[in-house]
Amino acid sequence: MEKYKDLYKWMLIPMVIMQLGIFRDYWGDFSDNAWSVHIHYWTGTIWYLYLIIQPYYATHGKLEKHRTNGIIGMFLAGGVTITALSMMHRDIVTTQNAAQMPEIFGPFEPWFFFGVAAVEIPQITAFGFAVIKSILNRKKLEDHAWWLICSVFIIMMPALGRGVQNFYVGIHMDTWPDIDIMLPLYYAQFIIIGLLLLTAWKFKNLKHPGTYLAVGVNIYTCFLAPIGKSEAVQNFLESFIKG
């Protein structure tokens, strides 16, 4: 575990990026957000904090605190997963609103929100898988740590993607509604994959299965547009995700 001694400092980077990405989207309409949104935001934020303090405890002689916090952390991970799933019906409702009020949504057509729902399902599934793998490998400390680190990069897209997209749309408002809403998401995915690979290189885990999973999920997200425009996908999501 010696190579992870400074990991807690490194994990500050995705924490800050996530907060910067979600700041305006969450706090901008704080009082109007649904209860599940608040719970998801705070469980996700605390999860990121745990992935800063847990490596510190594990590598600085505080293993008892690490183990106790680890149990609480698994509870939080479940909260992140369940609340993310509970929010997915909002995507379907938003597709309906976008179809009924195109003058308000502009470039955000229904296919975009179908695509968001379609990429969130594998993201949530992969996040849960990474957390479970970390539990199964709890006695193999390096594997245990890396699976948890990968969970951060698996679920970074919604927060960072919204932040980059909001910024991009904001500086191109004079061309509304003729705005390429996918381009900023590609930028966000480039940042996430780049930061993931840089972290994996630094900690010598480029060939770890957790790294492959996180990269795969983020590459899949780049196909949000064709997936969201698929009529078969749209029909499946409308049948599968009920309010």
C-alpha atoms as a PDB file:
ATOM      1  CA  MET A   1       0.000   0.000   0.000  1.00  0.00           C
ATOM      2  CA  GLU A   2       3.031   2.278   0.081  1.00  0.00           C
ATOM      3  CA  LYS A   3       2.360   3.496  -3.470  1.00  0.00           C
ATOM      4  CA  TYR A   4      -1.059   4.753  -2.340  1.00  0.00           C
ATOM      5  CA  LYS A   5       0.328   6.878   0.498  1.00  0.00           C
ATOM      6  CA  ASP A   6      -0.394  10.128  -1.359  1.00  0.00           C
ATOM      7  CA  LEU A   7      -3.574   8.886  -3.040  1.00  0.00           C
ATOM      8  CA  TYR A   8      -5.799  10.988  -0.790  1.00  0.00           C
ATOM      9  CA  LYS A   9      -4.219  14.128  -2.257  1.00  0.00           C
ATOM     10  CA  TRP A  10      -4.685  12.850  -5.809  1.00  0.00           C
ATOM     11  CA  MET A  11      -8.367  12.125  -5.163  1.00  0.00           C
ATOM     12  CA  LEU A  12      -8.971  15.791  -4.410  1.00  0.00           C
ATOM     13  CA  ILE A  13      -8.797  16.435  -8.171  1.00  0.00           C
ATOM     14  CA  PRO A  14     -11.941  14.481  -9.214  1.00  0.00           C
ATOM     15  CA  MET A  15     -13.717  15.814  -6.116  1.00  0.00           C
ATOM     16  CA  VAL A  16     -13.085  19.427  -7.158  1.00  0.00           C
ATOM     17  CA  ILE A  17     -13.931  18.714 -10.817  1.00  0.00           C
ATOM     18  CA  MET A  18     -17.201  17.069  -9.822  1.00  0.00           C
ATOM     19  CA  GLN A  19     -18.221  19.978  -7.602  1.00  0.00           C
ATOM     20  CA  LEU A  20     -17.340  22.568 -10.235  1.00  0.00           C
ATOM     21  CA  GLY A  21     -19.351  20.639 -12.809  1.00  0.00           C
ATOM     22  CA  ILE A  22     -22.501  20.237 -10.737  1.00  0.00           C
ATOM     23  CA  PHE A  23     -22.354  23.527  -8.799  1.00  0.00           C
ATOM     24  CA  ARG A  24     -24.576  25.657 -11.026  1.00  0.00           C
ATOM     25  CA  ASP A  25     -26.887  22.826 -12.054  1.00  0.00           C
ATOM     26  CA  TYR A  26     -27.618  21.803  -8.457  1.00  0.00           C
ATOM     27  CA  TRP A  27     -27.412  25.056  -6.529  1.00  0.00           C
ATOM     28  CA  GLY A  28     -28.989  27.157  -9.289  1.00  0.00           C
ATOM     29  CA  ASP A  29     -32.437  25.689  -8.607  1.00  0.00           C
ATOM     30  CA  PHE A  30     -31.755  24.216  -5.158  1.00  0.00           C
ATOM     31  CA  SER A  31     -35.222  24.799  -3.708  1.00  0.00           C
ATOM     32  CA  ASP A  32     -36.993  23.321  -6.756  1.00  0.00           C
ATOM     33  CA  ASN A  33     -35.062  20.056  -6.827  1.00  0.00           C
ATOM     34  CA  ALA A  34     -36.831  16.828  -5.909  1.00  0.00           C
ATOM     35  CA  TRP A  35     -35.996  15.099  -2.647  1.00  0.00           C
ATOM     36  CA  SER A  36     -34.215  12.280  -4.501  1.00  0.00           C
ATOM     37  CA  VAL A  37     -31.961  14.844  -6.203  1.00  0.00           C
ATOM     38  CA  HIS A  38     -30.856  16.271  -2.851  1.00  0.00           C
ATOM     39  CA  ILE A  39     -30.203  12.815  -1.398  1.00  0.00           C
ATOM     40  CA  HIS A  40     -28.287  11.751  -4.490  1.00  0.00           C
ATOM     41  CA  TYR A  41     -26.157  14.902  -4.472  1.00  0.00           C
ATOM     42  CA  TRP A  42     -25.209  14.592  -0.814  1.00  0.00           C
ATOM     43  CA  THR A  43     -24.610  10.831  -0.790  1.00  0.00           C
ATOM     44  CA  GLY A  44     -22.468  11.241  -3.924  1.00  0.00           C
ATOM     45  CA  THR A  45     -20.531  14.135  -2.409  1.00  0.00           C
ATOM     46  CA  ILE A  46     -19.907  12.274   0.844  1.00  0.00           C
ATOM     47  CA  TRP A  47     -18.836   9.219  -1.195  1.00  0.00           C
ATOM     48  CA  TYR A  48     -16.176  11.333  -2.890  1.00  0.00           C
ATOM     49  CA  LEU A  49     -15.052  12.618   0.527  1.00  0.00           C
ATOM     50  CA  TYR A  50     -14.753   9.049   1.769  1.00  0.00           C
ATOM     51  CA  LEU A  51     -12.477   8.223  -1.168  1.00  0.00           C
ATOM     52  CA  ILE A  52     -10.202  11.002   0.071  1.00  0.00           C
ATOM     53  CA  ILE A  53     -10.122  10.169   3.772  1.00  0.00           C
ATOM     54  CA  GLN A  54     -10.132   6.359   3.450  1.00  0.00           C
ATOM     55  CA  PRO A  55      -6.776   6.105   1.623  1.00  0.00           C
ATOM     56  CA  TYR A  56      -5.337   8.488   4.203  1.00  0.00           C
ATOM     57  CA  TYR A  57      -6.476   6.301   7.091  1.00  0.00           C
ATOM     58  CA  ALA A  58      -5.293   3.101   5.377  1.00  0.00           C
ATOM     59  CA  THR A  59      -1.780   4.410   4.701  1.00  0.00           C
ATOM     60  CA  HIS A  60      -1.198   6.460   7.845  1.00  0.00           C
ATOM     61  CA  GLY A  61      -1.583   3.839  10.559  1.00  0.00           C
ATOM     62  CA  LYS A  62      -5.311   4.297  11.190  1.00  0.00           C
ATOM     63  CA  LEU A  63      -6.630   0.969   9.931  1.00  0.00           C
ATOM     64  CA  GLU A  64      -9.305   0.661  12.629  1.00  0.00           C
ATOM     65  CA  LYS A  65     -10.871   3.938  11.493  1.00  0.00           C
ATOM     66  CA  HIS A  66     -10.478   2.797   7.895  1.00  0.00           C
ATOM     67  CA  ARG A  67     -12.403  -0.418   8.548  1.00  0.00           C
ATOM     68  CA  THR A  68     -15.198   1.311  10.471  1.00  0.00           C
ATOM     69  CA  ASN A  69     -15.582   4.009   7.858  1.00  0.00           C
ATOM     70  CA  GLY A  70     -15.486   1.351   5.158  1.00  0.00           C
ATOM     71  CA  ILE A  71     -18.706  -0.175   6.488  1.00  0.00           C
ATOM     72  CA  ILE A  72     -20.389   3.229   6.479  1.00  0.00           C
ATOM     73  CA  GLY A  73     -18.977   3.884   3.013  1.00  0.00           C
ATOM     74  CA  MET A  74     -20.627   0.780   1.585  1.00  0.00           C
ATOM     75  CA  PHE A  75     -23.939   2.058   2.943  1.00  0.00           C
ATOM     76  CA  LEU A  76     -23.308   5.366   1.166  1.00  0.00           C
ATOM     77  CA  ALA A  77     -22.448   3.596  -2.077  1.00  0.00           C
ATOM     78  CA  GLY A  78     -25.811   1.861  -1.932  1.00  0.00           C
ATOM     79  CA  GLY A  79     -27.442   5.247  -1.423  1.00  0.00           C
ATOM     80  CA  VAL A  80     -25.663   6.671  -4.469  1.00  0.00           C
ATOM     81  CA  THR A  81     -26.853   3.736  -6.592  1.00  0.00           C
ATOM     82  CA  ILE A  82     -30.468   3.640  -5.435  1.00  0.00           C
ATOM     83  CA  THR A  83     -31.010   7.403  -5.610  1.00  0.00           C
ATOM     84  CA  ALA A  84     -29.482   7.498  -9.108  1.00  0.00           C
ATOM     85  CA  LEU A  85     -31.939   4.827 -10.216  1.00  0.00           C
ATOM     86  CA  SER A  86     -34.838   6.619  -8.526  1.00  0.00           C
ATOM     87  CA  MET A  87     -34.107   9.791 -10.529  1.00  0.00           C
ATOM     88  CA  MET A  88     -34.203   8.152 -13.941  1.00  0.00           C
ATOM     89  CA  HIS A  89     -37.916   8.696 -14.480  1.00  0.00           C
ATOM     90  CA  ARG A  90     -37.136  12.427 -14.565  1.00  0.00           C
ATOM     91  CA  ASP A  91     -35.308  11.797 -17.843  1.00  0.00           C
ATOM     92  CA  ILE A  92     -38.434  10.248 -19.372  1.00  0.00           C
ATOM     93  CA  VAL A  93     -40.609  13.112 -18.131  1.00  0.00           C
ATOM     94  CA  THR A  94     -38.117  15.577 -19.604  1.00  0.00           C
ATOM     95  CA  THR A  95     -38.335  13.876 -23.015  1.00  0.00           C
ATOM     96  CA  GLN A  96     -42.073  14.511 -22.939  1.00  0.00           C
ATOM     97  CA  ASN A  97     -41.615  18.142 -21.903  1.00  0.00           C
ATOM     98  CA  ALA A  98     -39.021  18.668 -24.649  1.00  0.00           C
ATOM     99  CA  ALA A  99     -41.443  17.289 -27.239  1.00  0.00           C
ATOM    100  CA  GLN A 100     -44.299  19.492 -26.006  1.00  0.00           C
ATOM    101  CA  MET A 101     -42.271  22.693 -25.520  1.00  0.00           C
ATOM    102  CA  PRO A 102     -39.519  22.720 -28.187  1.00  0.00           C
ATOM    103  CA  GLU A 103     -39.312  26.524 -28.041  1.00  0.00           C
ATOM    104  CA  ILE A 104     -38.073  26.293 -24.437  1.00  0.00           C
ATOM    105  CA  PHE A 105     -35.720  23.321 -24.813  1.00  0.00           C
ATOM    106  CA  GLY A 106     -34.230  24.451 -28.137  1.00  0.00           C
ATOM    107  CA  PRO A 107     -31.372  22.117 -29.136  1.00  0.00           C
ATOM    108  CA  PHE A 108     -32.227  19.722 -26.291  1.00  0.00           C
ATOM    109  CA  GLU A 109     -34.578  17.490 -28.220  1.00  0.00           C
ATOM    110  CA  PRO A 110     -36.238  14.387 -26.709  1.00  0.00           C
ATOM    111  CA  TRP A 111     -33.532  12.073 -28.105  1.00  0.00           C
ATOM    112  CA  PHE A 112     -30.940  13.758 -25.888  1.00  0.00           C
ATOM    113  CA  PHE A 113     -32.744  12.859 -22.667  1.00  0.00           C
ATOM    114  CA  PHE A 114     -33.441   9.344 -23.904  1.00  0.00           C
ATOM    115  CA  GLY A 115     -29.702   9.087 -24.527  1.00  0.00           C
ATOM    116  CA  VAL A 116     -28.933  10.340 -21.029  1.00  0.00           C
ATOM    117  CA  ALA A 117     -31.154   7.638 -19.529  1.00  0.00           C
ATOM    118  CA  ALA A 118     -29.597   4.994 -21.776  1.00  0.00           C
ATOM    119  CA  VAL A 119     -26.041   5.811 -20.704  1.00  0.00           C
ATOM    120  CA  GLU A 120     -26.922   6.223 -17.028  1.00  0.00           C
ATOM    121  CA  ILE A 121     -28.083   2.604 -16.752  1.00  0.00           C
ATOM    122  CA  PRO A 122     -24.646   1.096 -17.535  1.00  0.00           C
ATOM    123  CA  GLN A 123     -22.957   3.814 -15.470  1.00  0.00           C
ATOM    124  CA  ILE A 124     -24.995   2.932 -12.396  1.00  0.00           C
ATOM    125  CA  THR A 125     -24.556  -0.794 -13.016  1.00  0.00           C
ATOM    126  CA  ALA A 126     -20.792  -0.440 -13.464  1.00  0.00           C
ATOM    127  CA  PHE A 127     -20.544   1.702 -10.332  1.00  0.00           C
ATOM    128  CA  GLY A 128     -22.337  -0.954  -8.289  1.00  0.00           C
ATOM    129  CA  PHE A 129     -20.150  -3.672  -9.814  1.00  0.00           C
ATOM    130  CA  ALA A 130     -16.952  -1.760  -8.941  1.00  0.00           C
ATOM    131  CA  VAL A 131     -18.087  -1.290  -5.337  1.00  0.00           C
ATOM    132  CA  ILE A 132     -18.987  -4.985  -5.014  1.00  0.00           C
ATOM    133  CA  LYS A 133     -15.596  -5.961  -6.476  1.00  0.00           C
ATOM    134  CA  SER A 134     -13.909  -3.737  -3.889  1.00  0.00           C
ATOM    135  CA  ILE A 135     -15.777  -5.617  -1.141  1.00  0.00           C
ATOM    136  CA  LEU A 136     -14.873  -9.022  -2.576  1.00  0.00           C
ATOM    137  CA  ASN A 137     -11.234  -7.918  -2.776  1.00  0.00           C
ATOM    138  CA  ARG A 138     -11.120  -6.262   0.658  1.00  0.00           C
ATOM    139  CA  LYS A 139      -8.247  -8.537   1.736  1.00  0.00           C
ATOM    140  CA  LYS A 140      -6.272  -7.683  -1.404  1.00  0.00           C
ATOM    141  CA  LEU A 141      -5.682  -4.091  -0.469  1.00  0.00           C
ATOM    142  CA  GLU A 142      -4.351  -2.819  -3.793  1.00  0.00           C
ATOM    143  CA  ASP A 143      -7.230  -4.333  -5.772  1.00  0.00           C
ATOM    144  CA  HIS A 144      -9.684  -3.140  -3.139  1.00  0.00           C
ATOM    145  CA  ALA A 145      -8.374   0.425  -3.391  1.00  0.00           C
ATOM    146  CA  TRP A 146      -8.265   0.551  -7.178  1.00  0.00           C
ATOM    147  CA  TRP A 147     -11.809  -0.705  -7.686  1.00  0.00           C
ATOM    148  CA  LEU A 148     -13.027   2.092  -5.414  1.00  0.00           C
ATOM    149  CA  ILE A 149     -10.945   4.676  -7.268  1.00  0.00           C
ATOM    150  CA  CYS A 150     -12.423   3.506 -10.578  1.00  0.00           C
ATOM    151  CA  SER A 151     -15.921   3.995  -9.188  1.00  0.00           C
ATOM    152  CA  VAL A 152     -15.205   7.742  -9.127  1.00  0.00           C
ATOM    153  CA  PHE A 153     -14.416   7.901 -12.840  1.00  0.00           C
ATOM    154  CA  ILE A 154     -17.408   5.713 -13.691  1.00  0.00           C
ATOM    155  CA  ILE A 155     -19.913   8.203 -12.235  1.00  0.00           C
ATOM    156  CA  MET A 156     -18.120  11.480 -12.905  1.00  0.00           C
ATOM    157  CA  MET A 157     -19.850  12.143 -16.241  1.00  0.00           C
ATOM    158  CA  PRO A 158     -23.285  13.407 -15.102  1.00  0.00           C
ATOM    159  CA  ALA A 159     -21.802  16.167 -12.940  1.00  0.00           C
ATOM    160  CA  LEU A 160     -18.911  17.149 -15.195  1.00  0.00           C
ATOM    161  CA  GLY A 161     -20.953  16.718 -18.372  1.00  0.00           C
ATOM    162  CA  ARG A 162     -23.642  19.101 -17.151  1.00  0.00           C
ATOM    163  CA  GLY A 163     -21.077  21.634 -16.026  1.00  0.00           C
ATOM    164  CA  VAL A 164     -19.178  21.677 -19.311  1.00  0.00           C
ATOM    165  CA  GLN A 165     -22.407  21.668 -21.295  1.00  0.00           C
ATOM    166  CA  ASN A 166     -23.912  24.542 -19.300  1.00  0.00           C
ATOM    167  CA  PHE A 167     -20.751  26.583 -19.809  1.00  0.00           C
ATOM    168  CA  TYR A 168     -20.656  25.813 -23.544  1.00  0.00           C
ATOM    169  CA  VAL A 169     -24.325  26.631 -24.072  1.00  0.00           C
ATOM    170  CA  GLY A 170     -23.915  29.815 -22.039  1.00  0.00           C
ATOM    171  CA  ILE A 171     -21.162  31.204 -24.257  1.00  0.00           C
ATOM    172  CA  HIS A 172     -23.104  30.289 -27.431  1.00  0.00           C
ATOM    173  CA  MET A 173     -26.509  31.635 -26.401  1.00  0.00           C
ATOM    174  CA  ASP A 174     -26.422  34.156 -29.238  1.00  0.00           C
ATOM    175  CA  THR A 175     -26.842  31.255 -31.701  1.00  0.00           C
ATOM    176  CA  TRP A 176     -29.694  29.559 -29.781  1.00  0.00           C
ATOM    177  CA  PRO A 177     -31.153  27.096 -30.703  1.00  0.00           C
ATOM    178  CA  ASP A 178     -28.462  26.220 -33.249  1.00  0.00           C
ATOM    179  CA  ILE A 179     -26.014  24.851 -30.671  1.00  0.00           C
ATOM    180  CA  ASP A 180     -24.140  21.556 -30.858  1.00  0.00           C
ATOM    181  CA  ILE A 181     -25.038  20.114 -27.462  1.00  0.00           C
ATOM    182  CA  MET A 182     -22.949  16.963 -27.943  1.00  0.00           C
ATOM    183  CA  LEU A 183     -19.600  18.681 -28.441  1.00  0.00           C
ATOM    184  CA  PRO A 184     -19.240  19.762 -24.788  1.00  0.00           C
ATOM    185  CA  LEU A 185     -20.060  16.213 -23.678  1.00  0.00           C
ATOM    186  CA  TYR A 186     -17.220  14.917 -25.838  1.00  0.00           C
ATOM    187  CA  TYR A 187     -14.948  17.432 -24.110  1.00  0.00           C
ATOM    188  CA  ALA A 188     -16.146  16.142 -20.731  1.00  0.00           C
ATOM    189  CA  GLN A 189     -15.501  12.522 -21.690  1.00  0.00           C
ATOM    190  CA  PHE A 190     -12.029  13.445 -22.929  1.00  0.00           C
ATOM    191  CA  ILE A 191     -11.273  15.020 -19.542  1.00  0.00           C
ATOM    192  CA  ILE A 192     -12.606  12.022 -17.605  1.00  0.00           C
ATOM    193  CA  ILE A 193     -10.803   9.381 -19.662  1.00  0.00           C
ATOM    194  CA  GLY A 194      -7.610  11.439 -19.687  1.00  0.00           C
ATOM    195  CA  LEU A 195      -7.661  11.918 -15.920  1.00  0.00           C
ATOM    196  CA  LEU A 196      -8.473   8.224 -15.398  1.00  0.00           C
ATOM    197  CA  LEU A 197      -5.572   7.059 -17.568  1.00  0.00           C
ATOM    198  CA  LEU A 198      -3.209   9.553 -15.956  1.00  0.00           C
ATOM    199  CA  THR A 199      -4.204   8.290 -12.511  1.00  0.00           C
ATOM    200  CA  ALA A 200      -3.906   4.658 -13.636  1.00  0.00           C
ATOM    201  CA  TRP A 201      -0.447   5.358 -15.070  1.00  0.00           C
ATOM    202  CA  LYS A 202       0.683   7.101 -11.901  1.00  0.00           C
ATOM    203  CA  PHE A 203      -0.411   4.199  -9.703  1.00  0.00           C
ATOM    204  CA  LYS A 204       0.636   1.504 -12.212  1.00  0.00           C
ATOM    205  CA  ASN A 205      -2.868   0.169 -12.874  1.00  0.00           C
ATOM    206  CA  LEU A 206      -3.309   0.756 -16.601  1.00  0.00           C
ATOM    207  CA  LYS A 207      -4.042  -2.951 -17.181  1.00  0.00           C
ATOM    208  CA  HIS A 208      -6.335  -3.412 -14.201  1.00  0.00           C
ATOM    209  CA  PRO A 209      -9.865  -4.671 -15.064  1.00  0.00           C
ATOM    210  CA  GLY A 210     -11.312  -1.730 -13.124  1.00  0.00           C
ATOM    211  CA  THR A 211      -9.504   0.633 -15.465  1.00  0.00           C
ATOM    212  CA  TYR A 212     -10.879  -1.197 -18.498  1.00  0.00           C
ATOM    213  CA  LEU A 213     -14.395  -1.007 -17.066  1.00  0.00           C
ATOM    214  CA  ALA A 214     -14.187   2.731 -16.347  1.00  0.00           C
ATOM    215  CA  VAL A 215     -12.740   3.491 -19.792  1.00  0.00           C
ATOM    216  CA  GLY A 216     -15.391   1.320 -21.476  1.00  0.00           C
ATOM    217  CA  VAL A 217     -18.273   3.030 -19.690  1.00  0.00           C
ATOM    218  CA  ASN A 218     -16.986   6.464 -20.662  1.00  0.00           C
ATOM    219  CA  ILE A 219     -16.412   5.476 -24.292  1.00  0.00           C
ATOM    220  CA  TYR A 220     -19.960   4.100 -24.408  1.00  0.00           C
ATOM    221  CA  THR A 221     -21.214   7.486 -23.185  1.00  0.00           C
ATOM    222  CA  CYS A 222     -19.741   9.105 -26.300  1.00  0.00           C
ATOM    223  CA  PHE A 223     -22.448   7.286 -28.310  1.00  0.00           C
ATOM    224  CA  LEU A 224     -25.258   9.024 -26.432  1.00  0.00           C
ATOM    225  CA  ALA A 225     -26.643  10.659 -29.591  1.00  0.00           C
ATOM    226  CA  PRO A 226     -27.147   7.568 -31.817  1.00  0.00           C
ATOM    227  CA  ILE A 227     -28.374   5.555 -28.842  1.00  0.00           C
ATOM    228  CA  GLY A 228     -30.854   8.250 -27.831  1.00  0.00           C
ATOM    229  CA  LYS A 229     -32.142   8.576 -31.403  1.00  0.00           C
ATOM    230  CA  SER A 230     -32.827   4.839 -31.662  1.00  0.00           C
ATOM    231  CA  GLU A 231     -36.576   4.221 -31.707  1.00  0.00           C
ATOM    232  CA  ALA A 232     -36.049   0.770 -30.207  1.00  0.00           C
ATOM    233  CA  VAL A 233     -34.128   2.271 -27.272  1.00  0.00           C
ATOM    234  CA  GLN A 234     -36.774   4.953 -26.770  1.00  0.00           C
ATOM    235  CA  ASN A 235     -39.581   2.377 -26.721  1.00  0.00           C
ATOM    236  CA  PHE A 236     -37.655   0.188 -24.283  1.00  0.00           C
ATOM    237  CA  LEU A 237     -36.960   3.075 -21.887  1.00  0.00           C
ATOM    238  CA  GLU A 238     -40.569   4.290 -21.942  1.00  0.00           C
ATOM    239  CA  SER A 239     -41.778   0.749 -21.180  1.00  0.00           C
ATOM    240  CA  PHE A 240     -39.105  -0.016 -18.601  1.00  0.00           C
ATOM    241  CA  ILE A 241     -38.858   3.235 -16.600  1.00  0.00           C
ATOM    242  CA  LYS A 242     -42.208   4.071 -15.020  1.00  0.00           C
ATOM    243  CA  GLY A 243     -43.083   6.893 -12.616  1.00  0.00           C
END
